[in-house]
Amino acid sequence: MLGGEERIYHGHQGLRDLVDDLRGAFAETHSKYSEIRDLGDRTIGIGRLRAVGKESGAEIESPICTIAEWKNGKATSVRTWLDPEEARKAAGLRE
């Protein structure tokens, strides 16, 4: 969820749409994950996001957390949060 609005992208075309949406909103984006934890058939990445607005030039920096579900070595679902606590709860983690 970015910008307070949840949007769900599906499949290969969904990934292309996500990238197009990000390119439309931001001149640049950088995410760096300082921690990646193996949860069996899922992983959680915890890090920081930095972006520059395409129109405004405003810079933002925020926590970012991503949970990916895996099957046969391929990601089948990827969800991202800007609130680490929400992501940890979704992953069933307490810390």
PDB file of N, CA and C in Angstrom:
ATOM      1  N   MET A   1       0.844  -1.165   0.000  1.00  0.00           N
ATOM      2  CA  MET A   1       0.000   0.000   0.000  1.00  0.00           C
ATOM      3  C   MET A   1       0.896   1.237   0.000  1.00  0.00           C
ATOM      4  N   LEU A   2       0.791   2.057  -1.020  1.00  0.00           N
ATOM      5  CA  LEU A   2       1.524   3.319  -1.095  1.00  0.00           C
ATOM      6  C   LEU A   2       0.515   4.447  -1.204  1.00  0.00           C
ATOM      7  N   GLY A   3       0.797   5.541  -0.545  1.00  0.00           N
ATOM      8  CA  GLY A   3      -0.082   6.691  -0.625  1.00  0.00           C
ATOM      9  C   GLY A   3      -1.432   6.492   0.030  1.00  0.00           C
ATOM     10  N   GLY A   4      -1.545   5.521   0.948  1.00  0.00           N
ATOM     11  CA  GLY A   4      -2.779   5.318   1.668  1.00  0.00           C
ATOM     12  C   GLY A   4      -3.832   4.530   0.917  1.00  0.00           C
ATOM     13  N   GLU A   5      -3.590   4.186  -0.325  1.00  0.00           N
ATOM     14  CA  GLU A   5      -4.569   3.463  -1.128  1.00  0.00           C
ATOM     15  C   GLU A   5      -4.032   2.069  -1.425  1.00  0.00           C
ATOM     16  N   GLU A   6      -4.830   1.055  -1.119  1.00  0.00           N
ATOM     17  CA  GLU A   6      -4.398  -0.308  -1.407  1.00  0.00           C
ATOM     18  C   GLU A   6      -4.746  -0.642  -2.844  1.00  0.00           C
ATOM     19  N   ARG A   7      -3.782  -1.170  -3.544  1.00  0.00           N
ATOM     20  CA  ARG A   7      -4.009  -1.587  -4.919  1.00  0.00           C
ATOM     21  C   ARG A   7      -3.402  -2.968  -5.076  1.00  0.00           C
ATOM     22  N   ILE A   8      -4.104  -3.848  -5.736  1.00  0.00           N
ATOM     23  CA  ILE A   8      -3.639  -5.215  -5.930  1.00  0.00           C
ATOM     24  C   ILE A   8      -3.329  -5.407  -7.407  1.00  0.00           C
ATOM     25  N   TYR A   9      -2.140  -5.934  -7.679  1.00  0.00           N
ATOM     26  CA  TYR A   9      -1.696  -6.228  -9.035  1.00  0.00           C
ATOM     27  C   TYR A   9      -1.603  -7.744  -9.177  1.00  0.00           C
ATOM     28  N   HIS A  10      -2.028  -8.280 -10.319  1.00  0.00           N
ATOM     29  CA  HIS A  10      -2.033  -9.727 -10.529  1.00  0.00           C
ATOM     30  C   HIS A  10      -1.191 -10.106 -11.741  1.00  0.00           C
ATOM     31  N   GLY A  11      -0.403 -11.147 -11.574  1.00  0.00           N
ATOM     32  CA  GLY A  11       0.315 -11.751 -12.695  1.00  0.00           C
ATOM     33  C   GLY A  11       1.400 -10.878 -13.290  1.00  0.00           C
ATOM     34  N   HIS A  12       1.886 -11.335 -14.449  1.00  0.00           N
ATOM     35  CA  HIS A  12       2.965 -10.624 -15.134  1.00  0.00           C
ATOM     36  C   HIS A  12       2.537  -9.214 -15.541  1.00  0.00           C
ATOM     37  N   GLN A  13       1.321  -9.090 -16.070  1.00  0.00           N
ATOM     38  CA  GLN A  13       0.838  -7.765 -16.461  1.00  0.00           C
ATOM     39  C   GLN A  13       0.694  -6.862 -15.244  1.00  0.00           C
ATOM     40  N   GLY A  14       0.271  -7.426 -14.126  1.00  0.00           N
ATOM     41  CA  GLY A  14       0.169  -6.650 -12.896  1.00  0.00           C
ATOM     42  C   GLY A  14       1.508  -6.091 -12.469  1.00  0.00           C
ATOM     43  N   LEU A  15       2.564  -6.886 -12.599  1.00  0.00           N
ATOM     44  CA  LEU A  15       3.904  -6.400 -12.259  1.00  0.00           C
ATOM     45  C   LEU A  15       4.310  -5.257 -13.185  1.00  0.00           C
ATOM     46  N   ARG A  16       4.012  -5.391 -14.464  1.00  0.00           N
ATOM     47  CA  ARG A  16       4.309  -4.296 -15.409  1.00  0.00           C
ATOM     48  C   ARG A  16       3.512  -3.041 -15.042  1.00  0.00           C
ATOM     49  N   ASP A  17       2.249  -3.213 -14.663  1.00  0.00           N
ATOM     50  CA  ASP A  17       1.416  -2.069 -14.261  1.00  0.00           C
ATOM     51  C   ASP A  17       1.966  -1.399 -13.007  1.00  0.00           C
ATOM     52  N   LEU A  18       2.425  -2.189 -12.043  1.00  0.00           N
ATOM     53  CA  LEU A  18       3.018  -1.640 -10.830  1.00  0.00           C
ATOM     54  C   LEU A  18       4.235  -0.778 -11.172  1.00  0.00           C
ATOM     55  N   VAL A  19       5.111  -1.302 -11.989  1.00  0.00           N
ATOM     56  CA  VAL A  19       6.309  -0.545 -12.379  1.00  0.00           C
ATOM     57  C   VAL A  19       5.904   0.732 -13.105  1.00  0.00           C
ATOM     58  N   ASP A  20       4.933   0.658 -13.994  1.00  0.00           N
ATOM     59  CA  ASP A  20       4.456   1.860 -14.699  1.00  0.00           C
ATOM     60  C   ASP A  20       3.889   2.886 -13.723  1.00  0.00           C
ATOM     61  N   ASP A  21       3.106   2.433 -12.739  1.00  0.00           N
ATOM     62  CA  ASP A  21       2.543   3.339 -11.741  1.00  0.00           C
ATOM     63  C   ASP A  21       3.641   4.019 -10.929  1.00  0.00           C
ATOM     64  N   LEU A  22       4.648   3.256 -10.526  1.00  0.00           N
ATOM     65  CA  LEU A  22       5.756   3.837  -9.761  1.00  0.00           C
ATOM     66  C   LEU A  22       6.532   4.846 -10.600  1.00  0.00           C
ATOM     67  N   ARG A  23       6.785   4.511 -11.852  1.00  0.00           N
ATOM     68  CA  ARG A  23       7.494   5.443 -12.752  1.00  0.00           C
ATOM     69  C   ARG A  23       6.685   6.712 -12.992  1.00  0.00           C
ATOM     70  N   GLY A  24       5.356   6.585 -13.000  1.00  0.00           N
ATOM     71  CA  GLY A  24       4.505   7.758 -13.193  1.00  0.00           C
ATOM     72  C   GLY A  24       4.501   8.685 -11.990  1.00  0.00           C
ATOM     73  N   ALA A  25       4.668   8.130 -10.799  1.00  0.00           N
ATOM     74  CA  ALA A  25       4.591   8.929  -9.577  1.00  0.00           C
ATOM     75  C   ALA A  25       5.937   9.430  -9.087  1.00  0.00           C
ATOM     76  N   PHE A  26       7.003   8.673  -9.355  1.00  0.00           N
ATOM     77  CA  PHE A  26       8.302   9.003  -8.767  1.00  0.00           C
ATOM     78  C   PHE A  26       9.384   9.136  -9.821  1.00  0.00           C
ATOM     79  N   ALA A  27      10.227  10.156  -9.644  1.00  0.00           N
ATOM     80  CA  ALA A  27      11.375  10.330 -10.522  1.00  0.00           C
ATOM     81  C   ALA A  27      12.428   9.273 -10.212  1.00  0.00           C
ATOM     82  N   GLU A  28      12.525   8.899  -8.947  1.00  0.00           N
ATOM     83  CA  GLU A  28      13.436   7.823  -8.538  1.00  0.00           C
ATOM     84  C   GLU A  28      12.917   7.154  -7.288  1.00  0.00           C
ATOM     85  N   THR A  29      13.204   5.877  -7.169  1.00  0.00           N
ATOM     86  CA  THR A  29      12.882   5.120  -5.964  1.00  0.00           C
ATOM     87  C   THR A  29      14.063   4.221  -5.635  1.00  0.00           C
ATOM     88  N   HIS A  30      14.324   4.097  -4.359  1.00  0.00           N
ATOM     89  CA  HIS A  30      15.396   3.219  -3.879  1.00  0.00           C
ATOM     90  C   HIS A  30      14.882   2.519  -2.628  1.00  0.00           C
ATOM     91  N   SER A  31      15.024   1.214  -2.584  1.00  0.00           N
ATOM     92  CA  SER A  31      14.701   0.489  -1.360  1.00  0.00           C
ATOM     93  C   SER A  31      15.902  -0.370  -1.000  1.00  0.00           C
ATOM     94  N   LYS A  32      16.172  -0.405   0.291  1.00  0.00           N
ATOM     95  CA  LYS A  32      17.298  -1.181   0.795  1.00  0.00           C
ATOM     96  C   LYS A  32      16.798  -1.973   1.990  1.00  0.00           C
ATOM     97  N   TYR A  33      16.919  -3.284   1.894  1.00  0.00           N
ATOM     98  CA  TYR A  33      16.455  -4.172   2.951  1.00  0.00           C
ATOM     99  C   TYR A  33      17.640  -4.548   3.840  1.00  0.00           C
ATOM    100  N   SER A  34      17.553  -4.163   5.100  1.00  0.00           N
ATOM    101  CA  SER A  34      18.616  -4.454   6.056  1.00  0.00           C
ATOM    102  C   SER A  34      18.454  -5.823   6.691  1.00  0.00           C
ATOM    103  N   GLU A  35      17.248  -6.388   6.586  1.00  0.00           N
ATOM    104  CA  GLU A  35      16.976  -7.698   7.174  1.00  0.00           C
ATOM    105  C   GLU A  35      16.023  -8.478   6.275  1.00  0.00           C
ATOM    106  N   ILE A  36      16.368  -9.717   6.009  1.00  0.00           N
ATOM    107  CA  ILE A  36      15.477 -10.627   5.290  1.00  0.00           C
ATOM    108  C   ILE A  36      15.425 -11.909   6.106  1.00  0.00           C
ATOM    109  N   ARG A  37      14.200 -12.300   6.469  1.00  0.00           N
ATOM    110  CA  ARG A  37      14.020 -13.485   7.309  1.00  0.00           C
ATOM    111  C   ARG A  37      13.284 -14.571   6.541  1.00  0.00           C
ATOM    112  N   ASP A  38      13.784 -15.788   6.660  1.00  0.00           N
ATOM    113  CA  ASP A  38      13.174 -16.954   6.040  1.00  0.00           C
ATOM    114  C   ASP A  38      12.106 -17.496   6.986  1.00  0.00           C
ATOM    115  N   LEU A  39      10.861 -17.532   6.514  1.00  0.00           N
ATOM    116  CA  LEU A  39       9.745 -18.030   7.317  1.00  0.00           C
ATOM    117  C   LEU A  39       9.179 -19.321   6.726  1.00  0.00           C
ATOM    118  N   GLY A  40      10.019 -20.085   6.058  1.00  0.00           N
ATOM    119  CA  GLY A  40       9.561 -21.326   5.426  1.00  0.00           C
ATOM    120  C   GLY A  40       9.125 -21.079   4.002  1.00  0.00           C
ATOM    121  N   ASP A  41       7.818 -21.053   3.759  1.00  0.00           N
ATOM    122  CA  ASP A  41       7.313 -20.789   2.406  1.00  0.00           C
ATOM    123  C   ASP A  41       7.104 -19.295   2.163  1.00  0.00           C
ATOM    124  N   ARG A  42       7.550 -18.467   3.117  1.00  0.00           N
ATOM    125  CA  ARG A  42       7.463 -17.009   2.992  1.00  0.00           C
ATOM    126  C   ARG A  42       8.783 -16.387   3.446  1.00  0.00           C
ATOM    127  N   THR A  43       9.029 -15.183   2.979  1.00  0.00           N
ATOM    128  CA  THR A  43      10.137 -14.373   3.482  1.00  0.00           C
ATOM    129  C   THR A  43       9.586 -13.002   3.839  1.00  0.00           C
ATOM    130  N   ILE A  44      10.233 -12.360   4.798  1.00  0.00           N
ATOM    131  CA  ILE A  44       9.892 -10.972   5.116  1.00  0.00           C
ATOM    132  C   ILE A  44      11.179 -10.153   5.015  1.00  0.00           C
ATOM    133  N   GLY A  45      11.084  -9.058   4.308  1.00  0.00           N
ATOM    134  CA  GLY A  45      12.195  -8.122   4.187  1.00  0.00           C
ATOM    135  C   GLY A  45      11.823  -6.827   4.896  1.00  0.00           C
ATOM    136  N   ILE A  46      12.760  -6.322   5.705  1.00  0.00           N
ATOM    137  CA  ILE A  46      12.528  -5.093   6.465  1.00  0.00           C
ATOM    138  C   ILE A  46      13.625  -4.107   6.088  1.00  0.00           C
ATOM    139  N   GLY A  47      13.230  -2.910   5.686  1.00  0.00           N
ATOM    140  CA  GLY A  47      14.227  -1.942   5.254  1.00  0.00           C
ATOM    141  C   GLY A  47      13.697  -0.522   5.192  1.00  0.00           C
ATOM    142  N   ARG A  48      14.286   0.261   4.288  1.00  0.00           N
ATOM    143  CA  ARG A  48      13.932   1.667   4.109  1.00  0.00           C
ATOM    144  C   ARG A  48      13.660   1.935   2.633  1.00  0.00           C
ATOM    145  N   LEU A  49      12.704   2.813   2.393  1.00  0.00           N
ATOM    146  CA  LEU A  49      12.349   3.272   1.049  1.00  0.00           C
ATOM    147  C   LEU A  49      12.657   4.757   0.964  1.00  0.00           C
ATOM    148  N   ARG A  50      13.290   5.145  -0.129  1.00  0.00           N
ATOM    149  CA  ARG A  50      13.503   6.556  -0.411  1.00  0.00           C
ATOM    150  C   ARG A  50      12.998   6.807  -1.822  1.00  0.00           C
ATOM    151  N   ALA A  51      12.233   7.888  -1.998  1.00  0.00           N
ATOM    152  CA  ALA A  51      11.679   8.205  -3.313  1.00  0.00           C
ATOM    153  C   ALA A  51      11.637   9.708  -3.503  1.00  0.00           C
ATOM    154  N   VAL A  52      11.640  10.118  -4.768  1.00  0.00           N
ATOM    155  CA  VAL A  52      11.540  11.529  -5.140  1.00  0.00           C
ATOM    156  C   VAL A  52      10.330  11.672  -6.050  1.00  0.00           C
ATOM    157  N   GLY A  53       9.395  12.550  -5.659  1.00  0.00           N
ATOM    158  CA  GLY A  53       8.186  12.757  -6.447  1.00  0.00           C
ATOM    159  C   GLY A  53       8.501  13.304  -7.826  1.00  0.00           C
ATOM    160  N   LYS A  54       7.867  12.757  -8.836  1.00  0.00           N
ATOM    161  CA  LYS A  54       8.121  13.170 -10.211  1.00  0.00           C
ATOM    162  C   LYS A  54       7.686  14.614 -10.460  1.00  0.00           C
ATOM    163  N   GLU A  55       6.503  14.969 -10.007  1.00  0.00           N
ATOM    164  CA  GLU A  55       5.984  16.316 -10.227  1.00  0.00           C
ATOM    165  C   GLU A  55       6.532  17.325  -9.225  1.00  0.00           C
ATOM    166  N   SER A  56       6.551  16.943  -7.954  1.00  0.00           N
ATOM    167  CA  SER A  56       6.891  17.894  -6.894  1.00  0.00           C
ATOM    168  C   SER A  56       8.382  17.975  -6.598  1.00  0.00           C
ATOM    169  N   GLY A  57       9.106  16.899  -6.875  1.00  0.00           N
ATOM    170  CA  GLY A  57      10.510  16.850  -6.498  1.00  0.00           C
ATOM    171  C   GLY A  57      10.705  16.594  -5.014  1.00  0.00           C
ATOM    172  N   ALA A  58       9.604  16.426  -4.287  1.00  0.00           N
ATOM    173  CA  ALA A  58       9.685  16.180  -2.845  1.00  0.00           C
ATOM    174  C   ALA A  58      10.295  14.809  -2.581  1.00  0.00           C
ATOM    175  N   GLU A  59      11.160  14.752  -1.577  1.00  0.00           N
ATOM    176  CA  GLU A  59      11.771  13.493  -1.185  1.00  0.00           C
ATOM    177  C   GLU A  59      11.028  12.906   0.005  1.00  0.00           C
ATOM    178  N   ILE A  60      10.850  11.597  -0.026  1.00  0.00           N
ATOM    179  CA  ILE A  60      10.272  10.905   1.113  1.00  0.00           C
ATOM    180  C   ILE A  60      11.222   9.792   1.525  1.00  0.00           C
ATOM    181  N   GLU A  61      11.197   9.478   2.796  1.00  0.00           N
ATOM    182  CA  GLU A  61      11.905   8.317   3.305  1.00  0.00           C
ATOM    183  C   GLU A  61      10.983   7.651   4.309  1.00  0.00           C
ATOM    184  N   SER A  62      10.901   6.338   4.216  1.00  0.00           N
ATOM    185  CA  SER A  62       9.937   5.607   5.038  1.00  0.00           C
ATOM    186  C   SER A  62      10.446   4.194   5.277  1.00  0.00           C
ATOM    187  N   PRO A  63       9.994   3.581   6.379  1.00  0.00           N
ATOM    188  CA  PRO A  63      10.224   2.147   6.511  1.00  0.00           C
ATOM    189  C   PRO A  63       9.477   1.429   5.382  1.00  0.00           C
ATOM    190  N   ILE A  64       9.965   0.267   4.998  1.00  0.00           N
ATOM    191  CA  ILE A  64       9.275  -0.574   4.022  1.00  0.00           C
ATOM    192  C   ILE A  64       9.465  -2.023   4.440  1.00  0.00           C
ATOM    193  N   CYS A  65       8.403  -2.784   4.350  1.00  0.00           N
ATOM    194  CA  CYS A  65       8.451  -4.204   4.691  1.00  0.00           C
ATOM    195  C   CYS A  65       7.725  -4.971   3.584  1.00  0.00           C
ATOM    196  N   THR A  66       8.320  -6.052   3.156  1.00  0.00           N
ATOM    197  CA  THR A  66       7.749  -6.853   2.085  1.00  0.00           C
ATOM    198  C   THR A  66       7.682  -8.306   2.507  1.00  0.00           C
ATOM    199  N   ILE A  67       6.524  -8.916   2.300  1.00  0.00           N
ATOM    200  CA  ILE A  67       6.365 -10.349   2.535  1.00  0.00           C
ATOM    201  C   ILE A  67       6.129 -11.006   1.177  1.00  0.00           C
ATOM    202  N   ALA A  68       6.948 -11.999   0.874  1.00  0.00           N
ATOM    203  CA  ALA A  68       6.791 -12.761  -0.366  1.00  0.00           C
ATOM    204  C   ALA A  68       6.467 -14.209  -0.016  1.00  0.00           C
ATOM    205  N   GLU A  69       5.508 -14.773  -0.740  1.00  0.00           N
ATOM    206  CA  GLU A  69       5.188 -16.194  -0.617  1.00  0.00           C
ATOM    207  C   GLU A  69       5.826 -16.901  -1.805  1.00  0.00           C
ATOM    208  N   TRP A  70       6.388 -18.100  -1.539  1.00  0.00           N
ATOM    209  CA  TRP A  70       7.171 -18.821  -2.541  1.00  0.00           C
ATOM    210  C   TRP A  70       6.614 -20.214  -2.799  1.00  0.00           C
ATOM    211  N   LYS A  71       6.676 -20.637  -4.052  1.00  0.00           N
ATOM    212  CA  LYS A  71       6.326 -22.000  -4.427  1.00  0.00           C
ATOM    213  C   LYS A  71       7.254 -22.413  -5.571  1.00  0.00           C
ATOM    214  N   ASN A  72       7.926 -23.529  -5.381  1.00  0.00           N
ATOM    215  CA  ASN A  72       8.866 -24.038  -6.395  1.00  0.00           C
ATOM    216  C   ASN A  72       9.894 -22.983  -6.810  1.00  0.00           C
ATOM    217  N   GLY A  73      10.364 -22.204  -5.842  1.00  0.00           N
ATOM    218  CA  GLY A  73      11.408 -21.216  -6.108  1.00  0.00           C
ATOM    219  C   GLY A  73      10.929 -19.940  -6.778  1.00  0.00           C
ATOM    220  N   LYS A  74       9.618 -19.767  -6.928  1.00  0.00           N
ATOM    221  CA  LYS A  74       9.082 -18.565  -7.570  1.00  0.00           C
ATOM    222  C   LYS A  74       8.133 -17.856  -6.619  1.00  0.00           C
ATOM    223  N   ALA A  75       8.180 -16.536  -6.641  1.00  0.00           N
ATOM    224  CA  ALA A  75       7.265 -15.747  -5.813  1.00  0.00           C
ATOM    225  C   ALA A  75       5.858 -15.855  -6.389  1.00  0.00           C
ATOM    226  N   THR A  76       4.911 -16.223  -5.537  1.00  0.00           N
ATOM    227  CA  THR A  76       3.514 -16.320  -5.976  1.00  0.00           C
ATOM    228  C   THR A  76       2.681 -15.148  -5.468  1.00  0.00           C
ATOM    229  N   SER A  77       3.200 -14.456  -4.460  1.00  0.00           N
ATOM    230  CA  SER A  77       2.501 -13.302  -3.897  1.00  0.00           C
ATOM    231  C   SER A  77       3.535 -12.400  -3.238  1.00  0.00           C
ATOM    232  N   VAL A  78       3.400 -11.109  -3.443  1.00  0.00           N
ATOM    233  CA  VAL A  78       4.288 -10.126  -2.811  1.00  0.00           C
ATOM    234  C   VAL A  78       3.409  -9.000  -2.290  1.00  0.00           C
ATOM    235  N   ARG A  79       3.519  -8.711  -0.986  1.00  0.00           N
ATOM    236  CA  ARG A  79       2.761  -7.609  -0.376  1.00  0.00           C
ATOM    237  C   ARG A  79       3.744  -6.704   0.334  1.00  0.00           C
ATOM    238  N   THR A  80       3.488  -5.412   0.275  1.00  0.00           N
ATOM    239  CA  THR A  80       4.392  -4.427   0.855  1.00  0.00           C
ATOM    240  C   THR A  80       3.627  -3.492   1.777  1.00  0.00           C
ATOM    241  N   TRP A  81       4.257  -3.156   2.892  1.00  0.00           N
ATOM    242  CA  TRP A  81       3.709  -2.231   3.881  1.00  0.00           C
ATOM    243  C   TRP A  81       4.723  -1.129   4.162  1.00  0.00           C
ATOM    244  N   LEU A  82       4.219   0.041   4.537  1.00  0.00           N
ATOM    245  CA  LEU A  82       5.078   1.118   5.015  1.00  0.00           C
ATOM    246  C   LEU A  82       5.121   1.139   6.538  1.00  0.00           C
ATOM    247  N   ASP A  83       4.299   0.320   7.171  1.00  0.00           N
ATOM    248  CA  ASP A  83       4.259   0.209   8.629  1.00  0.00           C
ATOM    249  C   ASP A  83       4.828  -1.155   9.028  1.00  0.00           C
ATOM    250  N   PRO A  84       6.020  -1.184   9.631  1.00  0.00           N
ATOM    251  CA  PRO A  84       6.652  -2.458   9.998  1.00  0.00           C
ATOM    252  C   PRO A  84       5.794  -3.310  10.926  1.00  0.00           C
ATOM    253  N   GLU A  85       5.063  -2.690  11.853  1.00  0.00           N
ATOM    254  CA  GLU A  85       4.232  -3.467  12.783  1.00  0.00           C
ATOM    255  C   GLU A  85       3.115  -4.210  12.052  1.00  0.00           C
ATOM    256  N   GLU A  86       2.487  -3.560  11.075  1.00  0.00           N
ATOM    257  CA  GLU A  86       1.438  -4.219  10.295  1.00  0.00           C
ATOM    258  C   GLU A  86       2.002  -5.419   9.539  1.00  0.00           C
ATOM    259  N   ALA A  87       3.178  -5.253   8.971  1.00  0.00           N
ATOM    260  CA  ALA A  87       3.806  -6.348   8.230  1.00  0.00           C
ATOM    261  C   ALA A  87       4.165  -7.499   9.155  1.00  0.00           C
ATOM    262  N   ARG A  88       4.727  -7.167  10.312  1.00  0.00           N
ATOM    263  CA  ARG A  88       5.089  -8.229  11.257  1.00  0.00           C
ATOM    264  C   ARG A  88       3.846  -9.000  11.727  1.00  0.00           C
ATOM    265  N   LYS A  89       2.748  -8.281  11.975  1.00  0.00           N
ATOM    266  CA  LYS A  89       1.507  -8.956  12.367  1.00  0.00           C
ATOM    267  C   LYS A  89       1.014  -9.860  11.237  1.00  0.00           C
ATOM    268  N   ALA A  90       1.067  -9.374  10.002  1.00  0.00           N
ATOM    269  CA  ALA A  90       0.621 -10.174   8.857  1.00  0.00           C
ATOM    270  C   ALA A  90       1.482 -11.425   8.700  1.00  0.00           C
ATOM    271  N   ALA A  91       2.743 -11.338   9.099  1.00  0.00           N
ATOM    272  CA  ALA A  91       3.650 -12.478   8.994  1.00  0.00           C
ATOM    273  C   ALA A  91       3.568 -13.393  10.213  1.00  0.00           C
ATOM    274  N   GLY A  92       2.815 -12.964  11.238  1.00  0.00           N
ATOM    275  CA  GLY A  92       2.698 -13.762  12.454  1.00  0.00           C
ATOM    276  C   GLY A  92       3.894 -13.622  13.382  1.00  0.00           C
ATOM    277  N   LEU A  93       4.610 -12.498  13.259  1.00  0.00           N
ATOM    278  CA  LEU A  93       5.781 -12.247  14.103  1.00  0.00           C
ATOM    279  C   LEU A  93       5.424 -11.293  15.228  1.00  0.00           C
ATOM    280  N   ARG A  94       6.069 -11.462  16.355  1.00  0.00           N
ATOM    281  CA  ARG A  94       5.818 -10.588  17.503  1.00  0.00           C
ATOM    282  C   ARG A  94       6.827  -9.463  17.604  1.00  0.00           C
ATOM    283  N   GLU A  95       8.043  -9.700  17.173  1.00  0.00           N
ATOM    284  CA  GLU A  95       9.114  -8.706  17.352  1.00  0.00           C
ATOM    285  C   GLU A  95       9.219  -7.755  16.197  1.00  0.00           C
TER     286      GLU A  95
END
